[in-house]
Amino acid sequence: MDRPAPRYDETVRAFTVRKFSSFEEAERAEREDYRSMTPGERLELIAQLRALRHGPDDATAPRLERVLTITELQRR
């Protein structure tokens, strides 16, 4: 069976598996990967991670409205 074409809002991702001899080497490679991304790609990655954690349709939690009142006191 043929796979259906991805919808317009889906992206096709390719994953690469790498093997490192130390944690330091792996961390260095990870930093280099992030440095090679454009700012837009980094923001997209953050949005994807946030959607994984909170769900794709997460709206901000309802909060109480801030109220600021200025009260003038009388001098005694």
N, C-alpha and C. Protein backbone atom coordinates (compact mmCIF):
# COMPACT_ATOMS: atom_id res chain seq x y z
N MET A 1 0.84 -1.19 0.00
CA MET A 1 0.00 0.00 0.00
C MET A 1 0.88 1.25 0.00
N ASP A 2 0.47 2.23 -0.72
CA ASP A 2 1.18 3.49 -0.75
C ASP A 2 0.78 4.33 0.46
N ARG A 3 1.76 5.05 0.98
CA ARG A 3 1.46 5.98 2.06
C ARG A 3 0.81 7.22 1.49
N PRO A 4 -0.18 7.75 2.19
CA PRO A 4 -0.78 9.00 1.70
C PRO A 4 0.23 10.14 1.82
N ALA A 5 0.09 11.10 0.95
CA ALA A 5 0.97 12.26 1.00
C ALA A 5 0.74 13.01 2.30
N PRO A 6 1.81 13.57 2.89
CA PRO A 6 1.62 14.32 4.13
C PRO A 6 0.74 15.53 3.91
N ARG A 7 -0.05 15.86 4.93
CA ARG A 7 -0.88 17.07 4.84
C ARG A 7 0.02 18.28 4.80
N TYR A 8 -0.55 19.41 4.43
CA TYR A 8 0.25 20.62 4.29
C TYR A 8 0.90 21.05 5.59
N ASP A 9 0.32 20.70 6.75
CA ASP A 9 0.88 21.15 8.02
C ASP A 9 1.80 20.12 8.67
N GLU A 10 2.03 19.01 8.00
CA GLU A 10 2.94 17.99 8.53
C GLU A 10 4.30 18.15 7.85
N THR A 11 5.33 17.89 8.61
CA THR A 11 6.67 17.95 8.05
C THR A 11 7.26 16.56 8.04
N VAL A 12 8.09 16.32 7.07
CA VAL A 12 8.77 15.04 6.96
C VAL A 12 10.13 15.20 7.62
N ARG A 13 10.44 14.32 8.55
CA ARG A 13 11.69 14.42 9.29
C ARG A 13 12.57 13.21 8.99
N ALA A 14 13.86 13.46 8.91
CA ALA A 14 14.83 12.38 8.77
C ALA A 14 15.67 12.38 10.05
N PHE A 15 15.87 11.22 10.61
CA PHE A 15 16.64 11.12 11.84
C PHE A 15 17.96 10.43 11.55
N THR A 16 18.98 10.89 12.22
CA THR A 16 20.30 10.31 12.11
C THR A 16 20.71 9.79 13.48
N VAL A 17 21.21 8.58 13.51
CA VAL A 17 21.69 8.01 14.77
C VAL A 17 23.21 8.08 14.74
N ARG A 18 23.78 8.64 15.80
CA ARG A 18 25.24 8.74 15.89
C ARG A 18 25.72 8.07 17.17
N LYS A 19 26.92 7.56 17.15
CA LYS A 19 27.51 6.90 18.30
C LYS A 19 28.71 7.72 18.75
N PHE A 20 28.79 8.00 20.06
CA PHE A 20 29.86 8.80 20.60
C PHE A 20 30.65 7.99 21.62
N SER A 21 31.90 8.36 21.79
CA SER A 21 32.74 7.62 22.74
C SER A 21 32.68 8.20 24.14
N SER A 22 32.08 9.39 24.29
CA SER A 22 31.96 9.98 25.63
C SER A 22 30.77 10.92 25.66
N PHE A 23 30.33 11.22 26.89
CA PHE A 23 29.23 12.18 27.04
C PHE A 23 29.66 13.56 26.58
N GLU A 24 30.91 13.92 26.85
CA GLU A 24 31.41 15.24 26.44
C GLU A 24 31.35 15.40 24.93
N GLU A 25 31.76 14.34 24.21
CA GLU A 25 31.72 14.39 22.75
C GLU A 25 30.28 14.52 22.25
N ALA A 26 29.36 13.82 22.89
CA ALA A 26 27.94 13.90 22.51
C ALA A 26 27.39 15.29 22.78
N GLU A 27 27.75 15.88 23.93
CA GLU A 27 27.28 17.23 24.25
C GLU A 27 27.84 18.25 23.27
N ARG A 28 29.10 18.10 22.90
CA ARG A 28 29.71 19.00 21.92
C ARG A 28 28.97 18.93 20.58
N ALA A 29 28.69 17.71 20.15
CA ALA A 29 27.97 17.53 18.88
C ALA A 29 26.57 18.13 18.95
N GLU A 30 25.91 17.97 20.10
CA GLU A 30 24.57 18.54 20.26
C GLU A 30 24.62 20.07 20.19
N ARG A 31 25.59 20.67 20.87
CA ARG A 31 25.73 22.14 20.79
C ARG A 31 25.99 22.60 19.36
N GLU A 32 26.84 21.87 18.63
CA GLU A 32 27.12 22.21 17.23
C GLU A 32 25.85 22.10 16.38
N ASP A 33 25.05 21.09 16.66
CA ASP A 33 23.78 20.95 15.92
C ASP A 33 22.88 22.15 16.16
N TYR A 34 22.75 22.57 17.42
CA TYR A 34 21.90 23.72 17.73
C TYR A 34 22.47 25.00 17.12
N ARG A 35 23.79 25.15 17.13
CA ARG A 35 24.40 26.34 16.53
C ARG A 35 24.19 26.39 15.02
N SER A 36 24.08 25.22 14.39
CA SER A 36 23.91 25.20 12.94
C SER A 36 22.47 25.53 12.52
N MET A 37 21.54 25.52 13.47
CA MET A 37 20.14 25.84 13.16
C MET A 37 19.95 27.34 13.04
N THR A 38 18.99 27.72 12.23
CA THR A 38 18.62 29.13 12.16
C THR A 38 17.76 29.45 13.39
N PRO A 39 17.63 30.72 13.75
CA PRO A 39 16.76 31.06 14.88
C PRO A 39 15.33 30.55 14.68
N GLY A 40 14.83 30.59 13.46
CA GLY A 40 13.49 30.09 13.18
C GLY A 40 13.37 28.60 13.43
N GLU A 41 14.40 27.85 13.07
CA GLU A 41 14.39 26.41 13.31
C GLU A 41 14.41 26.11 14.81
N ARG A 42 15.17 26.90 15.55
CA ARG A 42 15.21 26.71 17.01
C ARG A 42 13.86 27.00 17.64
N LEU A 43 13.21 28.07 17.18
CA LEU A 43 11.88 28.40 17.71
C LEU A 43 10.87 27.30 17.37
N GLU A 44 10.96 26.76 16.16
CA GLU A 44 10.07 25.68 15.75
C GLU A 44 10.28 24.45 16.64
N LEU A 45 11.54 24.16 16.96
CA LEU A 45 11.84 23.03 17.84
C LEU A 45 11.25 23.25 19.23
N ILE A 46 11.36 24.46 19.75
CA ILE A 46 10.77 24.77 21.05
C ILE A 46 9.26 24.61 21.00
N ALA A 47 8.64 25.07 19.93
CA ALA A 47 7.18 24.94 19.79
C ALA A 47 6.77 23.47 19.74
N GLN A 48 7.55 22.65 19.05
CA GLN A 48 7.24 21.22 18.98
C GLN A 48 7.38 20.56 20.35
N LEU A 49 8.45 20.89 21.08
CA LEU A 49 8.64 20.32 22.41
C LEU A 49 7.53 20.76 23.36
N ARG A 50 7.12 22.02 23.24
CA ARG A 50 6.04 22.52 24.09
C ARG A 50 4.72 21.80 23.77
N ALA A 51 4.47 21.57 22.48
CA ALA A 51 3.25 20.87 22.08
C ALA A 51 3.26 19.43 22.58
N LEU A 52 4.44 18.80 22.59
CA LEU A 52 4.53 17.44 23.13
C LEU A 52 4.20 17.41 24.61
N ARG A 53 4.63 18.43 25.33
CA ARG A 53 4.43 18.48 26.78
C ARG A 53 3.02 18.90 27.14
N HIS A 54 2.49 19.91 26.47
CA HIS A 54 1.21 20.50 26.87
C HIS A 54 0.06 20.19 25.92
N GLY A 55 0.34 19.55 24.82
CA GLY A 55 -0.71 19.27 23.85
C GLY A 55 -0.71 20.33 22.76
N PRO A 56 -1.14 19.97 21.56
CA PRO A 56 -1.07 20.91 20.44
C PRO A 56 -2.04 22.09 20.55
N ASP A 57 -3.14 21.92 21.26
CA ASP A 57 -4.14 22.99 21.34
C ASP A 57 -4.13 23.69 22.69
N ASP A 58 -2.99 23.63 23.38
CA ASP A 58 -2.91 24.20 24.72
C ASP A 58 -3.04 25.72 24.67
N ALA A 59 -4.00 26.21 25.38
CA ALA A 59 -4.14 27.65 25.55
C ALA A 59 -3.58 27.99 26.93
N THR A 60 -3.23 29.21 27.10
CA THR A 60 -2.73 29.57 28.42
C THR A 60 -3.83 29.37 29.45
N ALA A 61 -3.42 28.99 30.62
CA ALA A 61 -4.39 28.72 31.69
C ALA A 61 -5.11 30.02 32.06
N PRO A 62 -6.40 29.92 32.33
CA PRO A 62 -7.11 31.14 32.71
C PRO A 62 -6.55 31.66 34.03
N ARG A 63 -6.41 32.94 34.12
CA ARG A 63 -5.84 33.56 35.31
C ARG A 63 -6.76 34.65 35.82
N LEU A 64 -6.55 35.00 37.05
CA LEU A 64 -7.30 36.12 37.59
C LEU A 64 -6.80 37.41 36.94
N GLU A 65 -7.70 38.31 36.72
CA GLU A 65 -7.32 39.58 36.11
C GLU A 65 -6.62 40.43 37.16
N ARG A 66 -5.56 41.06 36.75
CA ARG A 66 -4.85 41.95 37.68
C ARG A 66 -5.65 43.23 37.85
N VAL A 67 -5.75 43.66 39.09
CA VAL A 67 -6.48 44.89 39.38
C VAL A 67 -5.55 45.79 40.18
N LEU A 68 -5.40 46.98 39.72
CA LEU A 68 -4.56 47.95 40.40
C LEU A 68 -5.45 49.09 40.87
N THR A 69 -5.40 49.35 42.17
CA THR A 69 -6.20 50.43 42.71
C THR A 69 -5.28 51.39 43.45
N ILE A 70 -5.47 52.64 43.20
CA ILE A 70 -4.69 53.66 43.91
C ILE A 70 -5.63 54.32 44.90
N THR A 71 -5.25 54.25 46.14
CA THR A 71 -6.07 54.85 47.19
C THR A 71 -5.29 56.01 47.78
N GLU A 72 -5.93 57.18 47.79
CA GLU A 72 -5.28 58.33 48.39
C GLU A 72 -5.72 58.43 49.84
N LEU A 73 -4.75 58.50 50.71
CA LEU A 73 -5.03 58.57 52.13
C LEU A 73 -5.09 60.02 52.57
N GLN A 74 -5.93 60.29 53.54
CA GLN A 74 -6.00 61.64 54.09
C GLN A 74 -4.89 61.81 55.11
N ARG A 75 -4.34 63.01 55.13
CA ARG A 75 -3.32 63.31 56.14
C ARG A 75 -4.00 63.57 57.47
N ARG A 76 -3.37 63.13 58.51
CA ARG A 76 -3.92 63.36 59.86
C ARG A 76 -3.29 64.51 60.54
